[in-house]
Protein backbone atom coordinates (compact mmCIF):
# COMPACT_ATOMS: atom_id res chain seq x y z
CA UNK A 1 137.70 118.43 135.73
CA UNK A 2 141.35 116.86 133.99
CA UNK A 3 141.32 116.15 130.38
CA UNK A 4 141.09 112.25 130.61
CA UNK A 5 137.80 112.77 132.37
CA UNK A 6 136.16 115.17 129.71
CA UNK A 7 137.74 113.30 126.79
CA UNK A 8 135.89 110.08 128.10
CA UNK A 9 132.69 112.07 128.55
CA UNK A 10 132.90 113.17 124.97
CA UNK A 11 133.48 110.26 123.43
CA UNK A 12 130.68 108.26 125.57
CA UNK A 13 128.35 111.52 123.91
CA UNK A 14 129.28 110.74 120.74
CA UNK A 15 128.97 107.34 121.01
CA UNK A 16 125.16 108.10 122.06
CA UNK A 17 124.40 110.39 119.28
CA UNK A 18 125.84 108.30 116.57
CA UNK A 19 123.36 105.22 118.09
CA UNK A 20 120.82 107.87 117.79
CA UNK A 21 121.55 108.61 114.40
CA UNK A 22 121.28 105.11 113.90
CA UNK A 23 118.12 104.77 115.13
CA UNK A 24 116.75 107.20 113.61
CA UNK A 25 118.08 106.56 110.31
CA UNK A 26 116.58 103.15 110.31
CA UNK A 27 113.07 104.72 111.23
CA UNK A 28 113.35 106.57 107.76
CA UNK A 29 115.05 102.89 106.30
CA UNK A 30 111.46 101.87 107.10
CA UNK A 31 109.58 104.41 105.45
CA UNK A 32 111.40 104.00 102.17
CA UNK A 33 111.38 100.19 102.12
CA UNK A 34 107.61 100.85 102.43
CA UNK A 35 107.45 103.10 99.52
CA UNK A 36 109.54 100.59 97.47
CA UNK A 37 106.92 97.92 98.05
CA UNK A 38 103.65 99.97 97.86
CA UNK A 39 105.18 101.17 94.33
CA UNK A 40 106.58 97.36 93.16
CA UNK A 41 103.15 96.23 94.10
CA UNK A 42 101.25 98.91 92.36
CA UNK A 43 103.34 98.31 89.56
CA UNK A 44 103.29 94.61 88.65
CA UNK A 45 99.47 94.47 89.58
CA UNK A 46 98.70 97.38 86.97
CA UNK A 47 100.58 95.27 84.85
CA UNK A 48 98.69 92.03 85.62
CA UNK A 49 95.47 93.41 84.97
CA UNK A 50 96.39 95.16 81.51
CA UNK A 51 97.54 91.50 80.72
CA UNK A 52 94.67 90.00 81.81
CA UNK A 53 92.09 92.12 80.11
CA UNK A 54 93.73 91.53 76.76
CA UNK A 55 94.20 87.98 77.45
CA UNK A 56 91.13 86.49 79.24
CA UNK A 57 93.53 82.77 79.59
CA UNK A 58 96.61 84.58 81.13
CA UNK A 59 95.50 84.63 84.74
CA UNK A 60 94.97 81.19 84.36
CA UNK A 61 98.80 80.49 83.42
CA UNK A 62 100.52 83.00 85.17
CA UNK A 63 98.40 82.90 88.59
CA UNK A 64 99.11 79.09 89.01
CA UNK A 65 102.52 78.90 87.88
CA UNK A 66 103.95 81.98 89.34
CA UNK A 67 102.08 80.96 92.54
CA UNK A 68 104.46 77.48 92.39
CA UNK A 69 107.29 79.72 91.42
CA UNK A 70 106.80 81.83 94.65
CA UNK A 71 106.09 78.96 96.66
CA UNK A 72 109.29 77.37 95.87
CA UNK A 73 111.49 80.12 96.25
CA UNK A 74 110.02 81.11 99.71
CA UNK A 75 110.83 77.40 100.46
CA UNK A 76 114.00 77.03 99.29
CA UNK A 77 115.68 80.65 99.77
CA UNK A 78 113.38 82.67 102.27
CA UNK A 79 111.95 80.44 104.74
CA UNK A 80 110.15 82.51 107.68
CA UNK A 81 108.52 85.09 104.67
CA UNK A 82 105.66 83.07 104.89
CA UNK A 83 102.43 84.70 105.36
CA UNK A 84 101.37 87.87 106.92
CA UNK A 85 104.75 88.42 108.46
CA UNK A 86 103.16 90.01 111.86
CA UNK A 87 102.98 86.48 114.06
CA UNK A 88 106.48 86.02 113.08
CA UNK A 89 107.35 89.74 114.25
CA UNK A 90 105.44 88.60 117.55
CA UNK A 91 107.27 85.37 118.00
CA UNK A 92 110.65 86.94 117.87
CA UNK A 93 109.18 89.79 119.83
CA UNK A 94 108.04 87.25 122.76
CA UNK A 95 111.76 85.33 122.16
CA UNK A 96 113.40 89.09 122.71
CA UNK A 97 111.54 88.96 126.38
CA UNK A 98 112.86 86.22 126.99
CA UNK A 99 116.36 85.35 126.23
CA UNK A 100 116.96 82.48 128.14
CA UNK A 101 115.75 79.99 125.67
CA UNK A 102 117.39 77.55 123.95
CA UNK A 103 117.79 79.17 120.45
CA UNK A 104 120.23 76.51 118.72
CA UNK A 105 117.13 75.12 116.87
CA UNK A 106 115.80 78.05 116.25
CA UNK A 107 115.91 79.68 112.20
CA UNK A 108 115.50 83.72 112.86
CA UNK A 109 112.23 85.20 111.49
CA UNK A 110 113.75 88.32 111.35
CA UNK A 111 116.88 88.98 109.06
CA UNK A 112 117.95 90.75 105.73
CA UNK A 113 117.13 87.93 103.88
CA UNK A 114 113.80 87.73 105.32
CA UNK A 115 113.40 91.50 104.23
CA UNK A 116 114.61 90.63 100.61
CA UNK A 117 112.30 88.02 100.70
CA UNK A 118 109.18 89.77 101.96
CA UNK A 119 109.54 92.56 99.19
CA UNK A 120 110.37 90.20 96.13
CA UNK A 121 108.30 87.33 96.58
CA UNK A 122 105.55 89.47 97.85
CA UNK A 123 105.36 91.69 95.18
CA UNK A 124 105.66 88.76 92.39
CA UNK A 125 102.61 86.72 94.26
CA UNK A 126 100.39 90.16 94.15
CA UNK A 127 102.09 90.66 90.32
CA UNK A 128 100.16 87.24 89.65
CA UNK A 129 96.95 87.98 91.20
CA UNK A 130 96.82 86.58 94.03
CA UNK A 131 94.42 88.65 97.04
CA UNK A 132 97.43 89.68 98.98
CA UNK A 133 98.31 93.04 101.42
CA UNK A 134 101.78 94.60 101.79
CA UNK A 135 100.81 96.35 105.16
CA UNK A 136 101.45 93.05 107.01
CA UNK A 137 104.57 92.49 105.42
CA UNK A 138 105.74 95.40 105.93
CA UNK A 139 105.50 95.11 109.67
CA UNK A 140 107.88 92.11 109.52
CA UNK A 141 109.94 93.96 106.77
CA UNK A 142 110.73 96.92 109.30
CA UNK A 143 111.37 94.54 112.16
CA UNK A 144 113.73 92.96 110.44
CA UNK A 145 115.44 96.32 109.61
CA UNK A 146 115.65 97.60 113.33
CA UNK A 147 116.70 94.09 114.31
CA UNK A 148 119.57 93.99 111.85
CA UNK A 149 120.91 97.74 113.68
CA UNK A 150 121.01 96.43 117.13
CA UNK A 151 124.60 95.30 117.62
CA UNK A 152 125.37 98.89 116.19
CA UNK A 153 123.99 101.02 119.10
CA UNK A 154 125.75 101.75 122.26
CA UNK A 155 124.94 100.10 125.40
CA UNK A 156 124.53 103.34 126.71
CA UNK A 157 121.60 104.13 125.01
CA UNK A 158 119.90 101.09 126.82
CA UNK A 159 117.83 100.48 124.12
CA UNK A 160 117.02 96.51 123.89
CA UNK A 161 116.16 94.41 121.20
CA UNK A 162 112.71 94.21 122.01
CA UNK A 163 112.40 97.77 121.79
CA UNK A 164 113.52 97.96 118.01
CA UNK A 165 111.38 95.20 117.12
CA UNK A 166 108.32 97.20 118.30
CA UNK A 167 109.26 100.58 117.21
CA UNK A 168 110.16 98.67 113.60
CA UNK A 169 107.34 96.63 113.13
CA UNK A 170 104.66 99.63 113.98
CA UNK A 171 106.51 101.81 111.90
CA UNK A 172 105.86 99.96 109.07
CA UNK A 173 102.18 100.16 109.59
CA UNK A 174 102.35 103.65 109.99
CA UNK A 175 104.41 103.97 106.60
CA UNK A 176 102.41 101.58 104.40
CA UNK A 177 98.89 103.36 105.69
CA UNK A 178 100.33 107.16 105.95
CA UNK A 179 98.74 106.74 108.94
CA UNK A 180 101.21 107.50 112.19
CA UNK A 181 98.42 107.51 114.73
CA UNK A 182 97.37 103.83 113.64
CA UNK A 183 101.28 102.45 113.80
CA UNK A 184 100.92 103.98 117.50
CA UNK A 185 97.95 102.40 118.25
CA UNK A 186 98.88 99.15 116.51
CA UNK A 187 102.20 99.23 118.82
CA UNK A 188 99.84 99.50 121.47
CA UNK A 189 97.11 96.83 120.70
CA UNK A 190 99.60 93.99 119.32
CA UNK A 191 102.99 94.58 120.26
CA UNK A 192 103.80 96.41 122.87
CA UNK A 193 102.56 94.22 125.43
CA UNK A 194 105.44 93.88 128.34
CA UNK A 195 107.49 96.88 126.85
CA UNK A 196 109.13 99.09 129.30
CA UNK A 197 106.70 102.38 129.24
CA UNK A 198 109.94 104.36 129.53
CA UNK A 199 110.28 103.76 125.78
CA UNK A 200 107.24 104.75 124.34
CA UNK A 201 108.84 107.82 123.32
CA UNK A 202 110.84 105.81 121.47
CA UNK A 203 108.73 104.04 119.06
CA UNK A 204 107.15 107.16 118.72
CA UNK A 205 109.84 108.51 117.27
CA UNK A 206 110.39 105.84 114.79
CA UNK A 207 106.82 105.75 113.87
CA UNK A 208 106.49 109.27 113.21
CA UNK A 209 109.68 109.35 111.18
CA UNK A 210 108.77 106.35 109.00
CA UNK A 211 105.10 108.37 108.28
CA UNK A 212 106.59 111.25 107.47
CA UNK A 213 109.45 109.41 105.31
CA UNK A 214 106.69 107.09 103.20
CA UNK A 215 104.53 110.74 102.90
CA UNK A 216 107.42 112.90 101.37
CA UNK A 217 108.43 110.23 98.92
CA UNK A 218 104.56 109.98 97.74
CA UNK A 219 104.52 113.88 96.99
CA UNK A 220 103.47 115.04 100.32
CA UNK A 221 101.00 114.54 102.99
CA UNK A 222 97.48 114.09 102.34
CA UNK A 223 95.06 110.76 103.13
CA UNK A 224 95.38 107.86 101.48
CA UNK A 225 92.12 107.44 100.07
CA UNK A 226 91.74 111.78 100.30
CA UNK A 227 88.58 113.28 101.52
CA UNK A 228 85.84 110.87 101.28
CA UNK A 229 82.17 112.55 100.80
CA UNK A 230 80.19 111.89 103.63
CA UNK A 231 76.06 113.14 103.28
CA UNK A 232 74.27 111.47 106.27
CA UNK A 233 72.53 112.54 109.64
CA UNK A 234 72.78 111.51 113.10
CA UNK A 235 69.98 108.88 112.15
CA UNK A 236 71.85 107.78 109.27
CA UNK A 237 74.95 107.16 110.93
CA UNK A 238 73.52 105.20 113.76
CA UNK A 239 71.70 103.10 111.88
CA UNK A 240 74.82 102.79 109.71
CA UNK A 241 76.70 101.34 112.35
CA UNK A 242 74.55 99.06 113.95
CA UNK A 243 74.10 97.04 110.55
CA UNK A 244 78.32 97.09 109.71
CA UNK A 245 78.86 96.48 113.04
CA UNK A 246 76.33 92.99 112.92
CA UNK A 247 77.05 92.48 109.69
CA UNK A 248 81.04 93.05 109.45
CA UNK A 249 81.52 91.60 113.07
CA UNK A 250 79.89 88.01 111.84
CA UNK A 251 81.98 88.25 108.73
CA UNK A 252 84.81 89.20 109.94
CA UNK A 253 85.22 86.53 112.73
CA UNK A 254 84.32 83.92 110.58
CA UNK A 255 87.07 85.18 108.01
CA UNK A 256 89.37 85.07 111.17
CA UNK A 257 88.49 81.37 111.86
CA UNK A 258 88.81 80.24 108.87
CA UNK A 259 92.56 81.81 108.64
CA UNK A 260 93.77 80.12 111.83
CA UNK A 261 91.93 76.69 110.91
CA UNK A 262 93.44 76.81 107.41
CA UNK A 263 96.83 77.64 108.99
CA UNK A 264 97.21 75.31 111.82
CA UNK A 265 96.63 71.60 111.70
CA UNK A 266 94.19 71.38 109.10
CA UNK A 267 92.22 68.15 108.10
CA UNK A 268 90.80 66.60 105.62
CA UNK A 269 91.64 65.76 102.03
CA UNK A 270 92.58 69.73 101.13
CA UNK A 271 94.75 69.82 104.07
CA UNK A 272 96.54 66.46 103.33
CA UNK A 273 96.91 67.71 100.08
CA UNK A 274 98.74 71.32 101.28
CA UNK A 275 101.01 68.88 103.70
CA UNK A 276 101.92 66.38 101.26
CA UNK A 277 101.71 68.09 97.81
CA UNK A 278 102.27 71.92 98.32
CA UNK A 279 102.90 73.26 94.67
CA UNK A 280 99.72 71.12 93.71
CA UNK A 281 97.99 72.88 96.25
CA UNK A 282 99.05 76.05 95.17
CA UNK A 283 98.46 75.54 91.82
CA UNK A 284 94.77 75.06 92.63
CA UNK A 285 94.76 78.09 94.51
CA UNK A 286 96.04 79.89 91.62
CA UNK A 287 93.36 78.58 89.33
CA UNK A 288 90.86 79.44 91.94
CA UNK A 289 91.72 82.85 91.79
CA UNK A 290 91.99 83.02 88.10
CA UNK A 291 88.66 81.88 88.00
CA UNK A 292 87.17 84.48 90.52
CA UNK A 293 88.94 87.27 88.70
CA UNK A 294 86.86 86.14 85.80
CA UNK A 295 83.88 86.35 86.99
CA UNK A 296 84.47 89.44 88.62
CA UNK A 297 86.25 91.49 85.61
CA UNK A 298 89.50 90.97 87.60
CA UNK A 299 88.19 92.85 90.48
CA UNK A 300 89.87 90.15 93.16
CA UNK A 301 93.11 90.38 91.90
CA UNK A 302 95.65 92.02 93.89
CA UNK A 303 95.08 93.80 97.43
CA UNK A 304 91.63 95.62 96.25
CA UNK A 305 93.31 99.05 97.12
CA UNK A 306 92.49 100.40 93.83
CA UNK A 307 88.86 98.78 93.55
CA UNK A 308 88.21 100.33 97.12
CA UNK A 309 89.13 103.83 96.20
CA UNK A 310 86.74 103.90 93.06
CA UNK A 311 83.54 102.44 95.50
CA UNK A 312 84.84 105.37 98.30
CA UNK A 313 84.82 108.18 95.12
CA UNK A 314 81.32 106.22 93.54
CA UNK A 315 83.37 105.73 90.19
CA UNK A 316 82.53 101.77 90.74
CA UNK A 317 79.91 99.88 90.63
CA UNK A 318 81.01 96.05 91.19
CA UNK A 319 78.65 93.37 91.46
CA UNK A 320 76.78 92.25 94.98
CA UNK A 321 78.94 89.19 94.69
CA UNK A 322 82.24 90.92 95.13
CA UNK A 323 82.60 90.93 98.96
CA UNK A 324 82.16 86.87 99.00
CA UNK A 325 84.38 86.51 96.12
CA UNK A 326 87.11 88.35 97.54
CA UNK A 327 86.50 86.90 100.78
CA UNK A 328 87.17 83.52 99.37
CA UNK A 329 90.09 84.95 97.01
CA UNK A 330 91.86 86.23 100.03
CA UNK A 331 91.91 83.18 102.16
CA UNK A 332 92.76 80.67 98.91
CA UNK A 333 96.00 82.94 98.66
CA UNK A 334 96.55 83.04 102.29
CA UNK A 335 96.14 79.34 103.02
CA UNK A 336 98.39 78.71 99.87
CA UNK A 337 101.52 80.06 102.18
CA UNK A 338 102.82 82.99 100.00
CA UNK A 339 103.91 86.02 101.40
CA UNK A 340 101.34 88.53 101.62
CA UNK A 341 98.96 89.95 104.42
CA UNK A 342 95.08 90.74 104.94
CA UNK A 343 95.15 93.96 105.61
CA UNK A 344 94.31 95.46 101.98
CA UNK A 345 92.00 92.77 101.50
CA UNK A 346 89.66 92.93 104.33
CA UNK A 347 89.56 96.76 103.72
CA UNK A 348 88.62 96.16 100.19
CA UNK A 349 86.01 93.08 102.06
CA UNK A 350 84.59 95.52 103.96
CA UNK A 351 84.37 98.24 101.14
CA UNK A 352 82.42 95.09 99.12
CA UNK A 353 79.95 94.75 102.04
CA UNK A 354 79.46 98.51 102.37
CA UNK A 355 78.64 99.18 98.67
CA UNK A 356 75.83 95.82 98.98
CA UNK A 357 74.40 97.50 101.92
CA UNK A 358 74.21 100.77 101.37
CA UNK A 359 70.53 100.74 99.44
CA UNK A 360 69.38 99.02 102.34
CA UNK A 361 69.78 102.47 104.27
CA UNK A 362 69.23 104.91 101.17
CA UNK A 363 73.01 105.44 100.70
CA UNK A 364 73.47 104.18 97.76
CA UNK A 365 74.03 107.46 95.90
CA UNK A 366 76.57 108.56 98.21
CA UNK A 367 77.66 105.48 99.91
CA UNK A 368 81.40 106.69 101.65
CA UNK A 369 79.87 106.91 105.14
CA UNK A 370 78.50 102.52 105.23
CA UNK A 371 81.66 101.65 102.99
CA UNK A 372 83.95 103.84 105.64
CA UNK A 373 82.08 102.33 108.67
CA UNK A 374 82.40 98.26 106.74
CA UNK A 375 86.08 98.83 105.91
CA UNK A 376 86.16 99.55 109.66
CA UNK A 377 84.41 97.15 111.08
CA UNK A 378 85.69 94.17 109.15
CA UNK A 379 89.10 94.95 109.73
CA UNK A 380 88.84 95.04 113.56
CA UNK A 381 86.65 91.98 113.38
CA UNK A 382 89.40 89.70 111.34
CA UNK A 383 92.09 91.53 113.62
CA UNK A 384 90.85 92.07 117.09
CA UNK A 385 92.44 95.39 117.31
CA UNK A 386 89.31 97.85 117.36
CA UNK A 387 91.34 101.32 117.81
CA UNK A 388 94.18 99.85 115.29
CA UNK A 389 91.31 99.66 112.82
CA UNK A 390 89.44 102.68 113.88
CA UNK A 391 92.60 104.95 113.19
CA UNK A 392 93.72 103.40 109.90
CA UNK A 393 90.46 104.14 108.70
CA UNK A 394 89.65 107.43 109.91
CA UNK A 395 93.33 108.38 108.81
CA UNK A 396 93.24 106.95 105.24
CA UNK A 397 89.36 108.71 104.72
CA UNK A 398 89.95 111.70 106.42
CA UNK A 399 87.10 110.65 108.54
CA UNK A 400 86.93 113.03 111.37
CA UNK A 401 82.97 113.53 110.96
CA UNK A 402 82.56 109.69 111.64
CA UNK A 403 84.60 109.68 114.90
CA UNK A 404 82.10 108.20 117.34
CA UNK A 405 80.01 105.94 114.80
CA UNK A 406 83.71 104.50 113.54
CA UNK A 407 85.00 103.68 117.50
CA UNK A 408 81.32 102.07 117.97
CA UNK A 409 81.57 99.93 114.67
CA UNK A 410 85.03 98.52 115.59
CA UNK A 411 84.34 97.93 119.17
CA UNK A 412 80.71 96.14 118.72
CA UNK A 413 82.12 94.42 115.39
CA UNK A 414 85.47 93.44 117.25
CA UNK A 415 83.39 92.15 120.36
CA UNK A 416 80.93 89.96 118.04
CA UNK A 417 84.36 88.35 116.18
CA UNK A 418 85.42 87.11 119.82
CA UNK A 419 82.43 85.17 120.02
CA UNK A 420 83.40 83.64 116.88
CA UNK A 421 87.29 83.46 116.82
CA UNK A 422 90.04 83.38 119.05
CA UNK A 423 92.53 86.39 118.39
CA UNK A 424 94.36 86.30 114.95
CA UNK A 425 97.64 87.25 114.95
CA UNK A 426 98.30 86.32 118.72
CA UNK A 427 96.87 82.68 117.99
CA UNK A 428 98.98 82.52 114.88
CA UNK A 429 102.25 83.41 116.52
CA UNK A 430 101.35 80.39 119.22
CA UNK A 431 100.54 77.98 117.03
CA UNK A 432 104.13 78.81 115.35
CA UNK A 433 105.92 78.66 119.09
CA UNK A 434 104.10 75.39 119.74
CA UNK A 435 105.47 74.05 116.35
CA UNK A 436 108.61 72.50 116.46
CA UNK A 437 110.81 74.45 113.40
CA UNK A 438 112.25 71.88 110.63
CA UNK A 439 114.01 74.39 108.47
CA UNK A 440 110.65 76.33 107.87
CA UNK A 441 108.18 77.57 110.36
CA UNK A 442 104.46 77.00 109.89
CA UNK A 443 102.59 79.63 107.69
CA UNK A 444 101.23 82.44 109.28
């Protein structure tokens, strides 16, 4: 081997390793962004809650006016950051798999600008009391960061743009929930269709790195909600699973169908108001959320993970109407076009449903089992991603004693939901691709 060949090979190997370091650094970056998003959301939500407890009128001012400002900022500076972020990521994955499409009139939905808008406006919307989550938006944030690194990777690595988008989006879910297995399953169920199987190791590496980074930044490992006490026999689990699957399947299917109808070609007076006077519409949504917050003692504000944890630990006694109020508040926030997702609110709604159902099967004293089953069931019915929902809840509550019951509930709830609604994220992504862009994609 002559010196020239040796040096050429060393240069190629150096570029490959540099590319790997860039990819791994991107995965760590997704984890860091997820932690920043989470900490800011928690801090602003708690500040808003303290203010609402001290001044009853505060939400009736801050929520509608803050919503108007957030929608204006989104439309003016961060077009493409509206809604959950998962449909936007799916659209970009589809476009990456068909590179021959005309992109002249297409405004990218994944960029550094989107990262700034998604976090800045998303945190502000939650801090104004809107019932929105950060987990879905973290998918778009993660995919945007990995997308920005594509041009830094050497061709020898053979990493296509679509691979980075899948890895970044799934890593976002893993980091947001401290649930790497759920991130892997989310990639398989929602994002990985058509992506070559040989890239599975790459995707899993990004997911694990993001999850480990998020855990390390939050002070170590452990489950999101800790260990939930489960006291129930096999017969109790069977009864709870059957009841949770039926109720959550129906409610989650209705929830999904209403979101699809509300973000599509919404007709009637409300739809016309949103199209023609979007700022008036979001202000009315804010007043509606503030009213629900006043009725529930502030329980519907924010993503709802704090209320969910309090219910799981049997430290809260929320009214029976908490679940329907959270249901309505989340729909109002989602319809407004604000950046924000529905994963955390769906878990909170499911926990509220479980809180109501627990006395029916004699589990009111220790309702952890029913709450966990209903959380998984409602999330599965809403997203129609049963295995992702099962793993998210199992990893969040350390629910290994409920593995079979959780799997059964998510599969049955998702099946019932399909009788009522089309798949949520795939349908919203299709609506976005069917609607010509006019400087701003359809909310989703």
